[in-house]
């Protein structure tokens, strides 16, 4: 026992001398070092945040030694052009942490009010404003942080003088002109860059862009997230198509008089033009869309209903009510029974969601990749005029619809008649 006591005492004594300073001293030194690195970046930091809910958003941060940070954000044109100052601090938590502790552009992404960021009620875009710092992710010019709640990834890259000047001039806002792509009335848009013609499909909510082109007669597709910088729209992953590499779009201009968007990419300039059908029809997309909720046990939902002739929520579904209960979304339930699909506006009474009425419909899938819907019956006497009636009338349009998959969980259903009407299903 005496021998074991001596050995134990010796080991314990040895452990005390592994570090010359206490854990608290070492942690405080690390925090001071991280703050020094943030502050001494003379021209600030370019930043990209990847929220836990998906997507990617561009930022710029300039930290000072008084715990203040000035930032720009590509979430809106105003935030991209107008700087906002808030406070920050570095704090010892389970790990050294960078905390943005007053409401800022960064907090907009995490705001639980879905009307602020078009996110999930109570959760926003599953983003963060408190970040853990890990020593092996801190380099001289690049710092990668991880959100403490939603594991968002925030990547800071040291900015140049030219970039800092461009942010101050509001150049990031120029890139957001690209979102005027939504003003084209036909859904399908194409651009020719050098020898290649690409169909461009953008989902602004998920911050994804999809390019489709033909290699001979073989269709090729490329999808990536995007964000904005002072140079324009940046791809998270580059597109490599033979000798052409596209890392994003620059020199973005918008002509409101002619409704034309122009930009450069892959070493060439191009102007976006309209088309009334896909450059290559995904023949399996319509059936894949219809089967997905059956396999998962879910359904398809659309917040705004049909977009028609450049107008979101063209039939004003959002203004519908059932008694005092407001409308919440438009529902499409494939194979609701063995005989029909179910379509209806859904309402919320403060406790539950429900439908007041609806339509039983049957789909037909054509060999050229379209889906057409026919009426099977009416359920609970749906109205014959108004938003719901106009929506179902368009659903029965004889030309049917093309289905365009815009992400793993979203599809756009586009009128095959003229591509000027579509609905986004999530």
Protein backbone atom coordinates (compact mmCIF):
# COMPACT_ATOMS: atom_id res chain seq x y z
CA UNK A 1 0.00 0.00 0.00
CA UNK A 2 2.91 2.32 0.80
CA UNK A 3 4.42 1.56 -2.62
CA UNK A 4 1.12 2.31 -4.44
CA UNK A 5 0.71 5.55 -2.52
CA UNK A 6 4.18 6.69 -3.59
CA UNK A 7 3.49 5.77 -7.24
CA UNK A 8 0.13 7.55 -7.22
CA UNK A 9 1.61 10.65 -5.62
CA UNK A 10 4.44 10.67 -8.17
CA UNK A 11 2.02 10.42 -11.14
CA UNK A 12 -0.22 13.11 -9.73
CA UNK A 13 2.76 15.35 -9.13
CA UNK A 14 3.97 14.74 -12.70
CA UNK A 15 0.57 15.65 -14.25
CA UNK A 16 0.67 19.01 -12.56
CA UNK A 17 3.77 19.94 -14.51
CA UNK A 18 2.58 18.96 -18.00
CA UNK A 19 1.56 22.62 -18.60
CA UNK A 20 3.40 25.54 -17.15
CA UNK A 21 0.18 27.58 -16.87
CA UNK A 22 -3.31 26.78 -15.64
CA UNK A 23 -6.16 25.91 -18.02
CA UNK A 24 -7.80 29.29 -17.39
CA UNK A 25 -4.63 31.16 -18.23
CA UNK A 26 -4.16 29.17 -21.43
CA UNK A 27 -7.82 29.69 -22.46
CA UNK A 28 -7.66 33.43 -21.87
CA UNK A 29 -4.46 33.60 -23.90
CA UNK A 30 -6.17 31.75 -26.76
CA UNK A 31 -9.14 34.15 -26.67
CA UNK A 32 -6.80 37.13 -26.74
CA UNK A 33 -4.93 35.64 -29.67
CA UNK A 34 -8.12 35.04 -31.66
CA UNK A 35 -9.36 38.57 -30.98
CA UNK A 36 -6.01 40.01 -32.03
CA UNK A 37 -6.21 38.09 -35.32
CA UNK A 38 -9.74 39.31 -36.01
CA UNK A 39 -8.97 42.93 -35.19
CA UNK A 40 -5.59 43.16 -36.92
CA UNK A 41 -6.99 42.08 -40.30
CA UNK A 42 -6.54 45.59 -41.69
CA UNK A 43 -9.20 45.27 -44.38
CA UNK A 44 -11.61 42.98 -42.55
CA UNK A 45 -12.95 39.58 -43.51
CA UNK A 46 -14.96 38.16 -46.36
CA UNK A 47 -17.38 35.62 -44.92
CA UNK A 48 -19.74 32.88 -46.04
CA UNK A 49 -22.20 31.22 -43.67
CA UNK A 50 -23.80 27.87 -44.41
CA UNK A 51 -26.88 27.64 -42.14
CA UNK A 52 -27.93 24.32 -40.68
CA UNK A 53 -31.13 24.60 -42.73
CA UNK A 54 -29.18 24.77 -46.01
CA UNK A 55 -28.17 27.52 -48.41
CA UNK A 56 -25.23 29.91 -48.34
CA UNK A 57 -25.02 33.64 -47.62
CA UNK A 58 -22.24 36.16 -48.16
CA UNK A 59 -21.08 38.62 -45.47
CA UNK A 60 -18.30 41.08 -44.74
CA UNK A 61 -17.02 41.78 -41.20
CA UNK A 62 -14.68 44.47 -39.87
CA UNK A 63 -13.84 43.96 -36.18
CA UNK A 64 -12.35 46.64 -33.92
CA UNK A 65 -10.66 46.42 -30.52
CA UNK A 66 -13.68 47.89 -28.71
CA UNK A 67 -15.85 44.82 -29.28
CA UNK A 68 -17.68 46.37 -32.23
CA UNK A 69 -18.13 44.83 -35.65
CA UNK A 70 -19.34 46.45 -38.86
CA UNK A 71 -20.92 44.17 -41.45
CA UNK A 72 -22.61 43.86 -44.82
CA UNK A 73 -24.87 40.97 -45.85
CA UNK A 74 -26.20 39.65 -49.16
CA UNK A 75 -29.56 38.70 -47.63
CA UNK A 76 -31.18 41.85 -49.05
CA UNK A 77 -30.09 44.63 -51.37
CA UNK A 78 -30.32 47.12 -48.50
CA UNK A 79 -28.10 45.00 -46.24
CA UNK A 80 -25.61 44.62 -49.08
CA UNK A 81 -25.32 48.38 -49.54
CA UNK A 82 -25.74 49.75 -46.01
CA UNK A 83 -23.27 48.84 -43.22
CA UNK A 84 -24.61 47.81 -39.82
CA UNK A 85 -22.64 48.00 -36.59
CA UNK A 86 -23.22 45.69 -33.63
CA UNK A 87 -21.22 44.20 -30.78
CA UNK A 88 -19.25 40.99 -30.47
CA UNK A 89 -17.22 39.24 -27.79
CA UNK A 90 -14.99 36.24 -27.40
CA UNK A 91 -15.91 34.06 -24.44
CA UNK A 92 -14.77 30.83 -22.84
CA UNK A 93 -17.66 28.36 -22.99
CA UNK A 94 -17.18 24.62 -23.60
CA UNK A 95 -14.78 25.89 -26.26
CA UNK A 96 -13.48 29.37 -27.09
CA UNK A 97 -16.43 31.09 -28.79
CA UNK A 98 -17.11 34.11 -30.97
CA UNK A 99 -20.48 35.61 -30.06
CA UNK A 100 -22.35 38.30 -31.98
CA UNK A 101 -24.35 39.55 -29.00
CA UNK A 102 -26.58 42.32 -30.37
CA UNK A 103 -29.06 42.00 -33.21
CA UNK A 104 -27.30 42.24 -36.56
CA UNK A 105 -27.59 41.11 -40.17
CA UNK A 106 -26.29 37.75 -38.99
CA UNK A 107 -29.23 37.41 -36.57
CA UNK A 108 -31.71 37.92 -39.42
CA UNK A 109 -30.95 34.40 -40.67
CA UNK A 110 -31.63 32.91 -37.23
CA UNK A 111 -34.70 35.03 -36.42
CA UNK A 112 -37.54 32.71 -35.30
CA UNK A 113 -40.13 34.95 -36.99
CA UNK A 114 -40.63 33.28 -40.36
CA UNK A 115 -41.77 36.56 -41.90
CA UNK A 116 -38.28 38.00 -41.36
CA UNK A 117 -36.35 35.36 -43.35
CA UNK A 118 -38.98 33.11 -44.96
CA UNK A 119 -37.69 30.27 -42.79
CA UNK A 120 -39.30 27.82 -40.39
CA UNK A 121 -41.56 29.24 -37.70
CA UNK A 122 -39.67 29.30 -34.39
CA UNK A 123 -36.36 28.36 -36.04
CA UNK A 124 -35.73 30.71 -38.96
CA UNK A 125 -33.12 29.34 -41.36
CA UNK A 126 -31.49 27.22 -38.63
CA UNK A 127 -28.54 29.59 -38.57
CA UNK A 128 -26.31 30.72 -35.68
CA UNK A 129 -24.83 33.81 -34.08
CA UNK A 130 -22.65 32.03 -31.50
CA UNK A 131 -19.72 30.07 -32.89
CA UNK A 132 -17.16 27.67 -31.45
CA UNK A 133 -13.52 28.15 -32.40
CA UNK A 134 -11.28 25.11 -32.82
CA UNK A 135 -7.49 25.69 -32.94
CA UNK A 136 -6.89 23.45 -35.96
CA UNK A 137 -9.45 25.50 -37.96
CA UNK A 138 -7.67 28.80 -37.40
CA UNK A 139 -5.17 29.70 -40.13
CA UNK A 140 -3.47 32.99 -40.87
CA UNK A 141 -5.89 34.03 -43.62
CA UNK A 142 -8.81 31.65 -43.12
CA UNK A 143 -10.83 30.90 -39.98
CA UNK A 144 -13.60 28.28 -39.94
CA UNK A 145 -16.12 28.38 -37.08
CA UNK A 146 -19.01 26.09 -36.15
CA UNK A 147 -22.38 27.29 -34.83
CA UNK A 148 -23.07 26.23 -31.25
CA UNK A 149 -26.79 25.52 -31.74
CA UNK A 150 -27.40 24.54 -35.37
CA UNK A 151 -23.83 23.69 -36.43
CA UNK A 152 -23.83 26.36 -39.13
CA UNK A 153 -20.41 26.73 -40.73
CA UNK A 154 -18.96 30.24 -40.90
CA UNK A 155 -15.84 30.69 -43.02
CA UNK A 156 -13.86 33.93 -42.70
CA UNK A 157 -11.26 34.81 -45.34
CA UNK A 158 -9.00 37.82 -44.94
CA UNK A 159 -10.14 40.61 -47.30
CA UNK A 160 -7.97 42.78 -49.51
CA UNK A 161 -7.96 46.57 -49.63
CA UNK A 162 -9.80 46.49 -52.96
CA UNK A 163 -12.51 44.25 -51.53
CA UNK A 164 -12.96 46.41 -48.44
CA UNK A 165 -13.32 49.48 -50.67
CA UNK A 166 -15.85 47.69 -52.88
CA UNK A 167 -18.01 46.71 -49.89
CA UNK A 168 -17.98 50.32 -48.68
CA UNK A 169 -19.13 51.45 -52.15
CA UNK A 170 -22.07 49.01 -52.03
CA UNK A 171 -20.75 46.78 -54.81
CA UNK A 172 -22.19 43.65 -53.18
CA UNK A 173 -25.67 45.02 -53.91
CA UNK A 174 -24.88 45.09 -57.63
CA UNK A 175 -24.62 41.32 -57.64
CA UNK A 176 -28.10 40.99 -56.19
CA UNK A 177 -29.43 42.42 -59.45
CA UNK A 178 -29.20 38.79 -60.56
CA UNK A 179 -32.36 38.07 -58.56
CA UNK A 180 -34.25 40.08 -61.18
CA UNK A 181 -34.22 36.79 -63.05
CA UNK A 182 -37.56 36.28 -61.27
CA UNK A 183 -39.04 39.11 -63.37
CA UNK A 184 -38.88 37.09 -66.58
CA UNK A 185 -42.43 35.93 -67.22
CA UNK A 186 -41.61 32.56 -68.81
CA UNK A 187 -40.13 30.10 -66.35
CA UNK A 188 -37.38 28.80 -68.63
CA UNK A 189 -34.34 31.04 -69.16
CA UNK A 190 -31.19 30.42 -71.18
CA UNK A 191 -27.84 32.10 -71.62
CA UNK A 192 -25.09 31.45 -74.15
CA UNK A 193 -21.57 31.80 -72.75
CA UNK A 194 -18.98 31.20 -75.42
CA UNK A 195 -19.81 27.99 -77.28
CA UNK A 196 -22.21 26.70 -74.61
CA UNK A 197 -25.89 27.41 -74.03
CA UNK A 198 -27.13 26.85 -70.49
CA UNK A 199 -30.63 26.75 -69.06
CA UNK A 200 -30.57 28.61 -65.74
CA UNK A 201 -32.88 27.61 -62.89
CA UNK A 202 -32.62 29.51 -59.62
CA UNK A 203 -34.20 28.77 -56.24
CA UNK A 204 -33.73 31.97 -54.24
CA UNK A 205 -35.14 30.43 -51.08
CA UNK A 206 -32.64 27.57 -50.93
CA UNK A 207 -29.88 29.63 -52.62
CA UNK A 208 -29.30 26.99 -55.29
CA UNK A 209 -28.64 27.44 -58.99
CA UNK A 210 -29.01 24.70 -61.58
CA UNK A 211 -27.45 24.81 -65.05
CA UNK A 212 -28.58 22.40 -67.76
CA UNK A 213 -26.96 22.01 -71.19
CA UNK A 214 -26.60 19.54 -74.02
CA UNK A 215 -23.39 17.68 -74.73
CA UNK A 216 -24.30 16.66 -78.25
CA UNK A 217 -27.74 15.17 -77.61
CA UNK A 218 -26.96 14.13 -74.03
CA UNK A 219 -28.34 16.42 -71.30
CA UNK A 220 -25.97 17.46 -68.51
CA UNK A 221 -26.89 19.18 -65.27
CA UNK A 222 -24.96 20.99 -62.57
CA UNK A 223 -26.34 22.28 -59.26
CA UNK A 224 -24.61 24.27 -56.54
CA UNK A 225 -25.35 26.74 -53.79
CA UNK A 226 -24.46 30.36 -54.40
CA UNK A 227 -23.84 33.58 -52.50
CA UNK A 228 -22.88 37.15 -53.43
CA UNK A 229 -19.59 39.03 -53.18
CA UNK A 230 -18.43 42.41 -54.45
CA UNK A 231 -17.62 40.65 -57.75
CA UNK A 232 -21.11 39.26 -58.29
CA UNK A 233 -22.66 35.82 -57.78
CA UNK A 234 -20.24 33.14 -56.56
CA UNK A 235 -20.74 29.38 -56.92
CA UNK A 236 -19.90 27.28 -53.86
CA UNK A 237 -18.59 24.65 -56.30
CA UNK A 238 -17.30 25.54 -59.78
CA UNK A 239 -18.82 24.17 -62.98
CA UNK A 240 -16.24 22.50 -65.23
CA UNK A 241 -17.56 21.89 -68.74
CA UNK A 242 -14.73 20.81 -71.00
CA UNK A 243 -12.39 23.75 -71.38
CA UNK A 244 -14.85 26.15 -69.73
CA UNK A 245 -14.85 26.68 -65.98
CA UNK A 246 -17.56 28.85 -64.39
CA UNK A 247 -17.02 29.94 -60.79
CA UNK A 248 -19.96 32.33 -60.79
CA UNK A 249 -21.41 35.29 -62.67
CA UNK A 250 -19.91 38.79 -62.74
CA UNK A 251 -20.58 42.14 -64.44
CA UNK A 252 -24.29 41.73 -63.69
CA UNK A 253 -26.59 44.33 -65.23
CA UNK A 254 -30.36 44.66 -65.35
CA UNK A 255 -32.30 46.57 -67.99
CA UNK A 256 -35.79 47.18 -66.62
CA UNK A 257 -37.03 48.66 -69.91
CA UNK A 258 -36.27 45.53 -71.92
CA UNK A 259 -36.51 43.09 -68.97
CA UNK A 260 -33.07 41.73 -69.72
CA UNK A 261 -30.41 40.40 -67.40
CA UNK A 262 -26.82 40.29 -68.64
CA UNK A 263 -23.68 38.89 -67.00
CA UNK A 264 -20.36 37.21 -67.62
CA UNK A 265 -19.14 33.76 -66.73
CA UNK A 266 -16.53 31.28 -67.89
CA UNK A 267 -14.64 33.98 -69.76
CA UNK A 268 -17.61 35.07 -71.88
CA UNK A 269 -20.51 37.54 -71.78
CA UNK A 270 -24.14 36.63 -72.27
CA UNK A 271 -27.73 37.89 -72.01
CA UNK A 272 -30.50 35.79 -70.52
CA UNK A 273 -33.38 34.97 -72.91
CA UNK A 274 -36.75 33.29 -72.39
CA UNK A 275 -37.91 29.86 -73.57
CA UNK A 276 -41.27 28.08 -73.29
CA UNK A 277 -40.00 24.55 -72.62
CA UNK A 278 -36.96 22.92 -71.03
CA UNK A 279 -33.74 22.70 -73.01
CA UNK A 280 -33.97 18.98 -72.20
CA UNK A 281 -37.06 17.44 -70.64
CA UNK A 282 -36.47 15.18 -67.64
CA UNK A 283 -38.88 12.46 -68.71
CA UNK A 284 -38.95 10.83 -65.28
CA UNK A 285 -39.38 14.01 -63.20
CA UNK A 286 -43.19 14.15 -63.19
CA UNK A 287 -43.58 10.56 -61.98
CA UNK A 288 -40.71 10.99 -59.52
CA UNK A 289 -42.41 14.08 -58.06
CA UNK A 290 -45.73 12.26 -57.72
CA UNK A 291 -44.23 9.18 -56.08
CA UNK A 292 -41.97 10.98 -53.56
CA UNK A 293 -44.66 11.70 -50.91
CA UNK A 294 -46.11 8.21 -51.32
CA UNK A 295 -42.74 6.67 -50.52
CA UNK A 296 -42.03 9.07 -47.63
CA UNK A 297 -45.53 9.26 -46.19
CA UNK A 298 -45.68 13.02 -46.70
CA UNK A 299 -47.36 15.46 -49.09
CA UNK A 300 -46.57 18.46 -51.29
CA UNK A 301 -47.19 21.99 -50.03
CA UNK A 302 -47.05 25.41 -51.64
CA UNK A 303 -47.14 28.57 -49.59
CA UNK A 304 -48.02 31.01 -52.36
CA UNK A 305 -49.82 28.85 -54.88
CA UNK A 306 -49.49 29.69 -58.57
CA UNK A 307 -47.15 32.35 -59.97
CA UNK A 308 -48.76 33.69 -63.17
CA UNK A 309 -47.48 36.28 -65.65
CA UNK A 310 -44.83 37.58 -63.28
CA UNK A 311 -47.09 37.77 -60.21
CA UNK A 312 -46.51 35.69 -57.08
CA UNK A 313 -49.65 34.33 -55.39
CA UNK A 314 -51.50 35.35 -58.53
CA UNK A 315 -54.90 34.15 -57.27
CA UNK A 316 -54.46 35.59 -53.72
CA UNK A 317 -54.62 32.27 -51.89
CA UNK A 318 -52.93 33.95 -48.93
CA UNK A 319 -56.08 36.04 -48.40
CA UNK A 320 -58.35 33.00 -48.00
CA UNK A 321 -60.02 32.31 -44.67
CA UNK A 322 -62.18 29.60 -43.17
CA UNK A 323 -64.27 31.50 -40.66
CA UNK A 324 -61.60 33.24 -38.58
CA UNK A 325 -58.92 30.70 -39.49
CA UNK A 326 -56.24 31.94 -41.90
CA UNK A 327 -54.86 30.09 -44.91
CA UNK A 328 -51.45 28.46 -44.35
CA UNK A 329 -50.62 26.48 -47.52
CA UNK A 330 -51.95 24.76 -50.64
CA UNK A 331 -51.87 20.96 -50.37
CA UNK A 332 -51.36 18.26 -52.99
CA UNK A 333 -51.65 14.71 -51.62
CA UNK A 334 -50.75 12.04 -54.20
CA UNK A 335 -52.68 8.78 -53.82
CA UNK A 336 -54.85 10.16 -51.03
CA UNK A 337 -57.00 7.11 -51.78
CA UNK A 338 -56.57 4.26 -54.22
CA UNK A 339 -58.76 6.20 -56.67
CA UNK A 340 -57.65 9.82 -56.54
CA UNK A 341 -55.19 12.51 -55.43
CA UNK A 342 -56.38 15.31 -53.15
CA UNK A 343 -55.93 19.08 -53.62
CA UNK A 344 -57.06 21.73 -51.13
CA UNK A 345 -56.20 24.97 -49.35
CA UNK A 346 -55.27 24.32 -45.70
CA UNK A 347 -56.26 26.51 -42.75
CA UNK A 348 -55.07 26.89 -39.15
CA UNK A 349 -57.46 27.43 -36.22
CA UNK A 350 -54.78 28.14 -33.62
CA UNK A 351 -54.42 24.49 -32.66
CA UNK A 352 -54.75 22.35 -35.76
CA UNK A 353 -54.47 22.58 -39.53
CA UNK A 354 -57.46 21.41 -41.53
CA UNK A 355 -59.26 21.68 -44.88
CA UNK A 356 -62.78 22.99 -45.45
CA UNK A 357 -63.15 21.63 -48.96
CA UNK A 358 -61.09 20.26 -51.81
CA UNK A 359 -60.92 18.41 -55.09
CA UNK A 360 -60.30 14.81 -56.03
CA UNK A 361 -58.05 14.67 -59.10
CA UNK A 362 -56.39 12.01 -61.25
CA UNK A 363 -52.98 12.44 -62.95
CA UNK A 364 -51.96 11.24 -66.39
CA UNK A 365 -48.24 11.00 -67.24
CA UNK A 366 -47.34 11.57 -70.88
CA UNK A 367 -44.47 10.00 -72.77
CA UNK A 368 -42.89 13.43 -73.35
CA UNK A 369 -42.49 14.14 -69.62
CA UNK A 370 -45.64 16.08 -68.73
CA UNK A 371 -48.35 15.45 -66.13
CA UNK A 372 -51.99 16.37 -66.75
CA UNK A 373 -54.79 16.46 -64.18
CA UNK A 374 -58.46 15.65 -64.55
CA UNK A 375 -61.28 16.14 -62.08
CA UNK A 376 -62.59 13.04 -60.30
CA UNK A 377 -64.92 14.86 -57.95
CA UNK A 378 -65.56 17.73 -55.56
CA UNK A 379 -65.22 17.34 -51.79
CA UNK A 380 -67.41 19.33 -49.35
CA UNK A 381 -68.70 21.79 -51.96
CA UNK A 382 -65.67 23.88 -52.89
CA UNK A 383 -66.35 27.45 -54.08
CA UNK A 384 -66.85 28.08 -57.79
CA UNK A 385 -65.23 31.52 -57.76
CA UNK A 386 -62.28 33.06 -55.97
CA UNK A 387 -58.68 31.97 -55.26
CA UNK A 388 -59.30 28.24 -54.77
CA UNK A 389 -61.53 28.01 -57.86
CA UNK A 390 -58.98 29.82 -60.05
CA UNK A 391 -56.18 27.60 -58.75
CA UNK A 392 -57.94 24.35 -59.56
CA UNK A 393 -58.98 25.71 -62.96
CA UNK A 394 -55.32 26.29 -63.83
CA UNK A 395 -54.40 22.84 -62.50
CA UNK A 396 -56.80 21.32 -65.06
CA UNK A 397 -55.21 23.22 -67.99
CA UNK A 398 -55.21 20.79 -70.92
CA UNK A 399 -51.52 21.16 -71.85
CA UNK A 400 -50.42 19.92 -68.44
CA UNK A 401 -47.14 20.65 -66.69
CA UNK A 402 -43.43 19.94 -66.73
CA UNK A 403 -41.82 19.12 -63.38
CA UNK A 404 -38.45 20.71 -62.65
CA UNK A 405 -36.56 19.41 -59.63
CA UNK A 406 -34.82 22.37 -57.98
CA UNK A 407 -33.43 20.57 -54.91
CA UNK A 408 -33.73 17.27 -53.07
CA UNK A 409 -37.03 18.39 -51.55
CA UNK A 410 -38.46 20.98 -53.97
CA UNK A 411 -40.01 20.91 -57.44
CA UNK A 412 -41.43 23.59 -59.72
CA UNK A 413 -44.48 22.53 -61.73
CA UNK A 414 -44.48 24.64 -64.90
CA UNK A 415 -47.31 25.14 -67.40
CA UNK A 416 -46.54 23.39 -70.68
CA UNK A 417 -48.81 25.86 -72.47
CA UNK A 418 -46.51 28.90 -72.36
CA UNK A 419 -44.30 28.49 -69.24
CA UNK A 420 -45.81 31.68 -67.79
CA UNK A 421 -47.48 29.92 -64.86
CA UNK A 422 -45.93 27.65 -62.26
CA UNK A 423 -46.18 26.51 -58.68
CA UNK A 424 -43.40 25.56 -56.27
CA UNK A 425 -43.94 22.39 -54.27
CA UNK A 426 -42.00 21.65 -51.09
